[in-house]
Amino acid sequence: MPQVLDLNLTYSPTLVTRKGLQRIFSSIRSFIENSSRTKRGTGNGTTFHETMTYFWVHMVHFAIVATKNPTGDFRTFLLLNPQLCNGGMFLHYYSKKLMLHTPEARVKVLLPDKRPLPSLISGPGKVRARFISSWSLPTSCCGLNRRRPRPHR
C-alpha cells in the first residue's frame, strides 16, 4: 500500500495558527521518518527541514488567502497559483547557502536573506499583484497543461 502524507487540510482562516503549524510540522516530520519514499540507498534519508517547511506552509497559506478559488478544489488552486509548482521558488527569497548549506536552517526557522516573504498585512490583493508579477510562469504547471499569460509590467 502506498504511503501518503495526509495532512487532512481543509482551508479555514485559522489554518496557520501555532497549533496548526505544530500539526503540519509533526505530520511532515512523521512522514519523513516513517516512509520508504524518503529513504535513500546510501542510508542517509531525507531529513526534516524547519525553514523549508515553514517557507512552503507560508506560501501555500498566502496563496489560499490571496486567491479566490471558485471551485474550492486543488486542481483549480494550482491553476490559480502556478508559482507553487516551482520547487526552487524558495531561491527567490533565500540564498542557496542559507537554505541548503546552513545547518541551523534545518533545526529552526530562519528569515529570508534575499527579500521578505509576502505578507497579508498590507492586504492580499495588493500583495498578490506584486507576488505574481515577479514570476516567470511555466506554460505547464504540475502537469496541468494550461497556458497562463505573463503579467505586464
N, C-alpha and C. Protein backbone atom coordinates (compact mmCIF):
# COMPACT_ATOMS: atom_id res chain seq x y z
N MET A 1 0.84 -1.18 0.00
CA MET A 1 0.00 0.00 0.00
C MET A 1 0.89 1.25 0.00
N PRO A 2 0.64 2.22 -0.89
CA PRO A 2 1.48 3.41 -0.94
C PRO A 2 1.33 4.25 0.32
N GLN A 3 2.46 4.84 0.72
CA GLN A 3 2.42 5.72 1.88
C GLN A 3 2.08 7.13 1.42
N VAL A 4 1.13 7.72 2.07
CA VAL A 4 0.63 9.03 1.67
C VAL A 4 0.75 9.98 2.84
N LEU A 5 1.20 11.18 2.54
CA LEU A 5 1.25 12.22 3.54
C LEU A 5 -0.13 12.86 3.59
N ASP A 6 -0.88 12.56 4.62
CA ASP A 6 -2.24 13.09 4.74
C ASP A 6 -2.27 14.13 5.84
N LEU A 7 -2.25 15.39 5.43
CA LEU A 7 -2.33 16.46 6.41
C LEU A 7 -3.78 16.80 6.72
N ASN A 8 -4.70 16.26 5.92
CA ASN A 8 -6.13 16.48 6.12
C ASN A 8 -6.43 17.96 6.31
N LEU A 9 -5.95 18.77 5.37
CA LEU A 9 -6.12 20.22 5.48
C LEU A 9 -7.37 20.68 4.76
N THR A 10 -8.28 21.17 5.49
CA THR A 10 -9.43 21.85 4.94
C THR A 10 -9.20 23.31 5.26
N TYR A 11 -9.31 24.15 4.26
CA TYR A 11 -8.99 25.55 4.49
C TYR A 11 -9.91 26.20 5.50
N SER A 12 -9.30 26.92 6.38
CA SER A 12 -10.01 27.83 7.27
C SER A 12 -9.08 29.01 7.50
N PRO A 13 -9.63 30.17 7.81
CA PRO A 13 -8.76 31.33 8.02
C PRO A 13 -7.75 31.13 9.14
N THR A 14 -7.99 30.16 10.01
CA THR A 14 -7.07 29.94 11.13
C THR A 14 -6.09 28.81 10.85
N LEU A 15 -5.92 28.45 9.58
CA LEU A 15 -5.03 27.35 9.22
C LEU A 15 -3.65 27.50 9.84
N VAL A 16 -3.06 28.65 9.69
CA VAL A 16 -1.69 28.82 10.17
C VAL A 16 -1.71 29.50 11.54
N THR A 17 -2.11 28.74 12.52
CA THR A 17 -2.01 29.15 13.91
C THR A 17 -0.85 28.37 14.49
N ARG A 18 -0.45 28.70 15.68
CA ARG A 18 0.65 27.96 16.32
C ARG A 18 0.32 26.47 16.39
N LYS A 19 -0.90 26.15 16.79
CA LYS A 19 -1.31 24.75 16.89
C LYS A 19 -1.37 24.10 15.50
N GLY A 20 -1.87 24.85 14.51
CA GLY A 20 -1.93 24.34 13.14
C GLY A 20 -0.55 24.06 12.58
N LEU A 21 0.39 24.99 12.82
CA LEU A 21 1.77 24.79 12.35
C LEU A 21 2.39 23.57 13.02
N GLN A 22 2.16 23.41 14.31
CA GLN A 22 2.70 22.25 15.02
C GLN A 22 2.16 20.95 14.42
N ARG A 23 0.89 20.95 14.07
CA ARG A 23 0.27 19.76 13.49
C ARG A 23 0.86 19.46 12.10
N ILE A 24 1.01 20.50 11.29
CA ILE A 24 1.58 20.32 9.95
C ILE A 24 3.02 19.84 10.06
N PHE A 25 3.82 20.49 10.89
CA PHE A 25 5.22 20.10 11.05
C PHE A 25 5.32 18.67 11.56
N SER A 26 4.50 18.33 12.54
CA SER A 26 4.51 16.99 13.11
C SER A 26 4.15 15.93 12.06
N SER A 27 3.15 16.22 11.24
CA SER A 27 2.73 15.27 10.19
C SER A 27 3.83 15.06 9.16
N ILE A 28 4.47 16.15 8.75
CA ILE A 28 5.55 16.04 7.76
C ILE A 28 6.75 15.31 8.36
N ARG A 29 7.10 15.66 9.59
CA ARG A 29 8.23 15.00 10.27
C ARG A 29 7.97 13.50 10.38
N SER A 30 6.76 13.12 10.77
CA SER A 30 6.40 11.71 10.90
C SER A 30 6.48 10.99 9.56
N PHE A 31 5.98 11.64 8.51
CA PHE A 31 6.03 11.05 7.18
C PHE A 31 7.48 10.78 6.76
N ILE A 32 8.34 11.77 6.96
CA ILE A 32 9.75 11.63 6.59
C ILE A 32 10.40 10.48 7.36
N GLU A 33 10.12 10.39 8.64
CA GLU A 33 10.74 9.36 9.48
C GLU A 33 10.23 7.96 9.18
N ASN A 34 9.00 7.84 8.68
CA ASN A 34 8.38 6.52 8.55
C ASN A 34 8.13 6.04 7.12
N SER A 35 8.43 6.85 6.15
CA SER A 35 8.12 6.49 4.78
C SER A 35 9.32 5.88 4.05
N SER A 36 9.06 4.84 3.28
CA SER A 36 10.13 4.27 2.45
C SER A 36 10.47 5.22 1.30
N ARG A 37 9.57 6.13 0.96
CA ARG A 37 9.82 7.08 -0.13
C ARG A 37 10.90 8.10 0.23
N THR A 38 11.14 8.33 1.50
CA THR A 38 12.11 9.34 1.91
C THR A 38 13.46 8.75 2.30
N LYS A 39 13.59 7.45 2.18
CA LYS A 39 14.87 6.80 2.47
C LYS A 39 15.68 6.68 1.18
N ARG A 40 16.95 6.95 1.28
CA ARG A 40 17.82 6.86 0.11
C ARG A 40 18.70 5.63 0.22
N GLY A 41 19.20 5.18 -0.92
CA GLY A 41 20.00 3.97 -0.98
C GLY A 41 21.24 3.98 -0.11
N THR A 42 21.83 5.13 0.15
CA THR A 42 23.05 5.22 0.94
C THR A 42 22.80 5.13 2.43
N GLY A 43 21.55 5.09 2.83
CA GLY A 43 21.23 5.06 4.25
C GLY A 43 20.94 6.44 4.80
N ASN A 44 21.36 7.48 4.08
CA ASN A 44 21.06 8.85 4.51
C ASN A 44 19.76 9.28 3.86
N GLY A 45 18.70 9.19 4.61
CA GLY A 45 17.41 9.57 4.07
C GLY A 45 17.19 11.07 4.13
N THR A 46 16.03 11.48 3.68
CA THR A 46 15.62 12.87 3.77
C THR A 46 15.43 13.22 5.23
N THR A 47 15.84 14.42 5.61
CA THR A 47 15.62 14.86 6.98
C THR A 47 14.68 16.06 6.99
N PHE A 48 14.01 16.24 8.10
CA PHE A 48 13.09 17.36 8.25
C PHE A 48 13.87 18.67 8.23
N HIS A 49 13.30 19.68 7.60
CA HIS A 49 13.96 20.98 7.44
C HIS A 49 12.98 22.06 7.89
N GLU A 50 13.22 22.64 9.06
CA GLU A 50 12.30 23.63 9.65
C GLU A 50 12.06 24.83 8.73
N THR A 51 13.12 25.42 8.21
CA THR A 51 12.98 26.63 7.41
C THR A 51 12.26 26.34 6.10
N MET A 52 12.62 25.25 5.44
CA MET A 52 11.97 24.90 4.17
C MET A 52 10.49 24.60 4.39
N THR A 53 10.19 23.86 5.45
CA THR A 53 8.80 23.54 5.74
C THR A 53 8.00 24.80 6.03
N TYR A 54 8.55 25.69 6.84
CA TYR A 54 7.85 26.94 7.14
C TYR A 54 7.63 27.75 5.86
N PHE A 55 8.65 27.81 5.01
CA PHE A 55 8.53 28.56 3.76
C PHE A 55 7.32 28.07 2.95
N TRP A 56 7.22 26.75 2.74
CA TRP A 56 6.14 26.22 1.91
C TRP A 56 4.77 26.37 2.57
N VAL A 57 4.70 26.19 3.88
CA VAL A 57 3.43 26.39 4.58
C VAL A 57 3.01 27.85 4.44
N HIS A 58 3.95 28.76 4.60
CA HIS A 58 3.65 30.19 4.47
C HIS A 58 3.14 30.52 3.07
N MET A 59 3.83 30.02 2.04
CA MET A 59 3.46 30.34 0.67
C MET A 59 2.10 29.74 0.29
N VAL A 60 1.82 28.54 0.74
CA VAL A 60 0.52 27.92 0.46
C VAL A 60 -0.58 28.69 1.19
N HIS A 61 -0.36 29.01 2.44
CA HIS A 61 -1.35 29.78 3.20
C HIS A 61 -1.59 31.14 2.55
N PHE A 62 -0.53 31.81 2.16
CA PHE A 62 -0.67 33.11 1.49
C PHE A 62 -1.52 32.96 0.23
N ALA A 63 -1.22 31.94 -0.57
CA ALA A 63 -1.96 31.73 -1.81
C ALA A 63 -3.43 31.42 -1.55
N ILE A 64 -3.71 30.65 -0.52
CA ILE A 64 -5.11 30.33 -0.17
C ILE A 64 -5.87 31.61 0.17
N VAL A 65 -5.27 32.45 1.00
CA VAL A 65 -5.94 33.67 1.44
C VAL A 65 -6.03 34.70 0.32
N ALA A 66 -4.98 34.79 -0.51
CA ALA A 66 -4.92 35.83 -1.55
C ALA A 66 -5.67 35.47 -2.82
N THR A 67 -6.11 34.23 -2.95
CA THR A 67 -6.76 33.77 -4.17
C THR A 67 -8.20 33.37 -3.89
N LYS A 68 -9.10 33.81 -4.73
CA LYS A 68 -10.48 33.34 -4.63
C LYS A 68 -10.60 32.12 -5.54
N ASN A 69 -10.82 30.97 -4.94
CA ASN A 69 -10.92 29.72 -5.69
C ASN A 69 -12.40 29.37 -5.82
N PRO A 70 -12.99 29.62 -7.00
CA PRO A 70 -14.44 29.42 -7.16
C PRO A 70 -14.90 27.98 -6.98
N THR A 71 -14.04 27.01 -7.29
CA THR A 71 -14.47 25.61 -7.16
C THR A 71 -14.03 25.00 -5.84
N GLY A 72 -13.02 25.56 -5.22
CA GLY A 72 -12.53 25.04 -3.95
C GLY A 72 -11.72 23.76 -4.07
N ASP A 73 -11.42 23.32 -5.31
CA ASP A 73 -10.64 22.08 -5.46
C ASP A 73 -9.15 22.39 -5.67
N PHE A 74 -8.35 21.36 -5.45
CA PHE A 74 -6.90 21.52 -5.51
C PHE A 74 -6.41 21.84 -6.91
N ARG A 75 -6.98 21.25 -7.91
CA ARG A 75 -6.57 21.50 -9.30
C ARG A 75 -6.73 22.98 -9.65
N THR A 76 -7.88 23.55 -9.32
CA THR A 76 -8.11 24.97 -9.59
C THR A 76 -7.15 25.82 -8.76
N PHE A 77 -6.93 25.42 -7.52
CA PHE A 77 -5.98 26.14 -6.67
C PHE A 77 -4.61 26.23 -7.34
N LEU A 78 -4.13 25.12 -7.90
CA LEU A 78 -2.83 25.14 -8.58
C LEU A 78 -2.87 25.95 -9.87
N LEU A 79 -3.97 25.89 -10.59
CA LEU A 79 -4.09 26.70 -11.80
C LEU A 79 -4.05 28.19 -11.47
N LEU A 80 -4.61 28.56 -10.35
CA LEU A 80 -4.61 29.95 -9.91
C LEU A 80 -3.28 30.37 -9.28
N ASN A 81 -2.49 29.39 -8.86
CA ASN A 81 -1.23 29.65 -8.17
C ASN A 81 -0.10 28.79 -8.72
N PRO A 82 0.21 28.91 -10.01
CA PRO A 82 1.22 28.04 -10.61
C PRO A 82 2.62 28.22 -10.02
N GLN A 83 2.87 29.35 -9.39
CA GLN A 83 4.18 29.57 -8.77
C GLN A 83 4.47 28.51 -7.71
N LEU A 84 3.44 27.90 -7.14
CA LEU A 84 3.64 26.89 -6.11
C LEU A 84 4.17 25.58 -6.68
N CYS A 85 4.17 25.43 -8.00
CA CYS A 85 4.72 24.24 -8.65
C CYS A 85 6.22 24.36 -8.88
N ASN A 86 6.77 25.51 -8.60
CA ASN A 86 8.20 25.76 -8.79
C ASN A 86 8.95 25.33 -7.53
N GLY A 87 9.57 24.16 -7.58
CA GLY A 87 10.29 23.64 -6.42
C GLY A 87 11.44 24.51 -5.97
N GLY A 88 11.93 25.37 -6.85
CA GLY A 88 13.02 26.28 -6.50
C GLY A 88 12.55 27.66 -6.09
N MET A 89 11.25 27.79 -5.85
CA MET A 89 10.70 29.11 -5.51
C MET A 89 11.38 29.72 -4.29
N PHE A 90 11.83 28.90 -3.36
CA PHE A 90 12.49 29.43 -2.16
C PHE A 90 13.73 30.26 -2.50
N LEU A 91 14.33 30.00 -3.67
CA LEU A 91 15.54 30.74 -4.06
C LEU A 91 15.27 32.20 -4.41
N HIS A 92 14.00 32.57 -4.57
CA HIS A 92 13.65 33.97 -4.77
C HIS A 92 13.71 34.73 -3.44
N TYR A 93 13.69 34.01 -2.33
CA TYR A 93 13.65 34.61 -1.00
C TYR A 93 14.90 34.29 -0.17
N TYR A 94 15.42 33.10 -0.35
CA TYR A 94 16.58 32.63 0.42
C TYR A 94 17.75 32.35 -0.53
N SER A 95 18.94 32.65 -0.06
CA SER A 95 20.12 32.23 -0.83
C SER A 95 20.25 30.72 -0.66
N LYS A 96 20.88 30.09 -1.64
CA LYS A 96 21.11 28.65 -1.58
C LYS A 96 21.97 28.32 -0.35
N LYS A 97 22.93 29.19 -0.08
CA LYS A 97 23.81 28.99 1.07
C LYS A 97 23.02 28.94 2.37
N LEU A 98 22.13 29.91 2.57
CA LEU A 98 21.37 29.95 3.81
C LEU A 98 20.41 28.76 3.92
N MET A 99 19.65 28.50 2.87
CA MET A 99 18.61 27.45 2.96
C MET A 99 19.19 26.04 2.95
N LEU A 100 20.16 25.79 2.09
CA LEU A 100 20.62 24.41 1.90
C LEU A 100 21.94 24.07 2.59
N HIS A 101 22.73 25.09 2.91
CA HIS A 101 24.06 24.80 3.46
C HIS A 101 24.28 25.37 4.85
N THR A 102 23.23 25.84 5.50
CA THR A 102 23.34 26.33 6.86
C THR A 102 22.64 25.34 7.78
N PRO A 103 23.40 24.60 8.58
CA PRO A 103 22.78 23.57 9.45
C PRO A 103 21.68 24.13 10.34
N GLU A 104 21.81 25.35 10.79
CA GLU A 104 20.81 25.97 11.67
C GLU A 104 19.43 26.04 11.00
N ALA A 105 19.40 26.17 9.66
CA ALA A 105 18.12 26.26 8.93
C ALA A 105 17.32 24.97 9.04
N ARG A 106 17.98 23.86 9.27
CA ARG A 106 17.28 22.58 9.40
C ARG A 106 16.55 22.46 10.73
N VAL A 107 17.07 23.10 11.76
CA VAL A 107 16.53 22.89 13.11
C VAL A 107 15.72 24.06 13.66
N LYS A 108 15.73 25.21 12.97
CA LYS A 108 14.87 26.32 13.37
C LYS A 108 14.56 27.18 12.16
N VAL A 109 13.50 27.93 12.25
CA VAL A 109 13.07 28.77 11.13
C VAL A 109 13.94 30.02 11.07
N LEU A 110 14.58 30.21 9.91
CA LEU A 110 15.38 31.41 9.68
C LEU A 110 14.64 32.32 8.71
N LEU A 111 14.81 33.62 8.89
CA LEU A 111 14.19 34.59 8.00
C LEU A 111 14.93 34.63 6.67
N PRO A 112 14.23 34.99 5.59
CA PRO A 112 14.88 35.07 4.28
C PRO A 112 16.00 36.11 4.27
N ASP A 113 17.02 35.86 3.46
CA ASP A 113 18.13 36.80 3.36
C ASP A 113 18.13 37.57 2.03
N LYS A 114 17.20 37.27 1.12
CA LYS A 114 17.13 37.99 -0.15
C LYS A 114 16.01 39.02 -0.17
N ARG A 115 14.81 38.61 0.18
CA ARG A 115 13.67 39.53 0.28
C ARG A 115 12.63 38.91 1.20
N PRO A 116 11.79 39.75 1.81
CA PRO A 116 10.81 39.21 2.76
C PRO A 116 9.75 38.36 2.08
N LEU A 117 9.20 37.44 2.84
CA LEU A 117 8.09 36.63 2.34
C LEU A 117 6.88 37.53 2.16
N PRO A 118 5.99 37.20 1.22
CA PRO A 118 4.79 38.03 1.03
C PRO A 118 3.97 38.07 2.32
N SER A 119 3.34 39.20 2.54
CA SER A 119 2.61 39.41 3.77
C SER A 119 1.15 39.73 3.49
N LEU A 120 0.29 39.27 4.35
CA LEU A 120 -1.14 39.57 4.24
C LEU A 120 -1.49 40.87 4.96
N ILE A 121 -0.56 41.43 5.69
CA ILE A 121 -0.84 42.62 6.49
C ILE A 121 -1.26 43.80 5.63
N SER A 122 -0.61 43.99 4.47
CA SER A 122 -0.95 45.13 3.62
C SER A 122 -2.12 44.83 2.69
N GLY A 123 -2.76 43.70 2.86
CA GLY A 123 -3.93 43.35 2.06
C GLY A 123 -3.57 42.37 0.96
N PRO A 124 -4.27 41.25 0.88
CA PRO A 124 -3.92 40.21 -0.08
C PRO A 124 -3.97 40.66 -1.54
N GLY A 125 -4.89 41.53 -1.92
CA GLY A 125 -4.99 41.95 -3.32
C GLY A 125 -3.75 42.69 -3.78
N LYS A 126 -3.28 43.64 -3.00
CA LYS A 126 -2.10 44.43 -3.36
C LYS A 126 -0.85 43.57 -3.35
N VAL A 127 -0.70 42.76 -2.32
CA VAL A 127 0.49 41.92 -2.21
C VAL A 127 0.49 40.87 -3.31
N ARG A 128 -0.65 40.28 -3.60
CA ARG A 128 -0.73 39.25 -4.63
C ARG A 128 -0.27 39.78 -5.97
N ALA A 129 -0.63 41.00 -6.31
CA ALA A 129 -0.23 41.57 -7.59
C ALA A 129 1.30 41.63 -7.68
N ARG A 130 1.96 42.05 -6.62
CA ARG A 130 3.43 42.10 -6.62
C ARG A 130 4.02 40.69 -6.64
N PHE A 131 3.41 39.80 -5.88
CA PHE A 131 3.86 38.42 -5.75
C PHE A 131 3.84 37.71 -7.10
N ILE A 132 2.73 37.80 -7.82
CA ILE A 132 2.59 37.13 -9.11
C ILE A 132 3.44 37.79 -10.18
N SER A 133 3.52 39.11 -10.19
CA SER A 133 4.23 39.79 -11.27
C SER A 133 5.72 39.53 -11.26
N SER A 134 6.25 39.01 -10.18
CA SER A 134 7.69 38.77 -10.11
C SER A 134 8.10 37.41 -10.65
N TRP A 135 7.16 36.63 -11.17
CA TRP A 135 7.46 35.27 -11.62
C TRP A 135 7.46 35.13 -13.13
N SER A 136 8.35 34.30 -13.62
CA SER A 136 8.27 33.80 -14.98
C SER A 136 7.50 32.50 -14.87
N LEU A 137 6.26 32.51 -15.24
CA LEU A 137 5.41 31.35 -15.03
C LEU A 137 5.59 30.31 -16.12
N PRO A 138 5.62 29.04 -15.77
CA PRO A 138 5.72 27.98 -16.77
C PRO A 138 4.41 27.87 -17.55
N THR A 139 4.50 27.34 -18.77
CA THR A 139 3.28 27.14 -19.55
C THR A 139 2.53 25.91 -19.05
N SER A 140 3.21 25.03 -18.35
CA SER A 140 2.55 23.86 -17.77
C SER A 140 2.91 23.79 -16.30
N CYS A 141 1.92 23.77 -15.47
CA CYS A 141 2.15 23.74 -14.03
C CYS A 141 1.77 22.37 -13.49
N CYS A 142 2.73 21.68 -12.96
CA CYS A 142 2.46 20.39 -12.31
C CYS A 142 1.69 19.45 -13.22
N GLY A 143 1.91 19.53 -14.51
CA GLY A 143 1.23 18.65 -15.44
C GLY A 143 -0.20 19.04 -15.74
N LEU A 144 -0.60 20.24 -15.37
CA LEU A 144 -1.98 20.65 -15.59
C LEU A 144 -2.19 21.22 -16.98
N ASN A 145 -1.12 21.50 -17.70
CA ASN A 145 -1.16 21.92 -19.11
C ASN A 145 -2.15 23.03 -19.42
N ARG A 146 -2.04 24.10 -18.73
CA ARG A 146 -2.89 25.25 -19.03
C ARG A 146 -1.99 26.46 -19.19
N ARG A 147 -2.10 27.11 -20.30
CA ARG A 147 -1.30 28.31 -20.52
C ARG A 147 -1.83 29.44 -19.66
N ARG A 148 -0.93 30.21 -19.13
CA ARG A 148 -1.30 31.35 -18.31
C ARG A 148 -0.46 32.52 -18.79
N PRO A 149 -1.09 33.61 -19.20
CA PRO A 149 -0.31 34.74 -19.70
C PRO A 149 0.54 35.36 -18.60
N ARG A 150 1.69 35.88 -19.01
CA ARG A 150 2.55 36.58 -18.06
C ARG A 150 2.00 37.97 -17.82
N PRO A 151 2.02 38.43 -16.59
CA PRO A 151 1.53 39.77 -16.29
C PRO A 151 2.41 40.83 -16.96
N HIS A 152 1.80 41.92 -17.37
CA HIS A 152 2.55 43.03 -17.95
C HIS A 152 3.11 43.88 -16.82
N ARG A 153 4.29 44.41 -17.03
CA ARG A 153 4.90 45.27 -16.00
C ARG A 153 4.68 46.70 -16.31
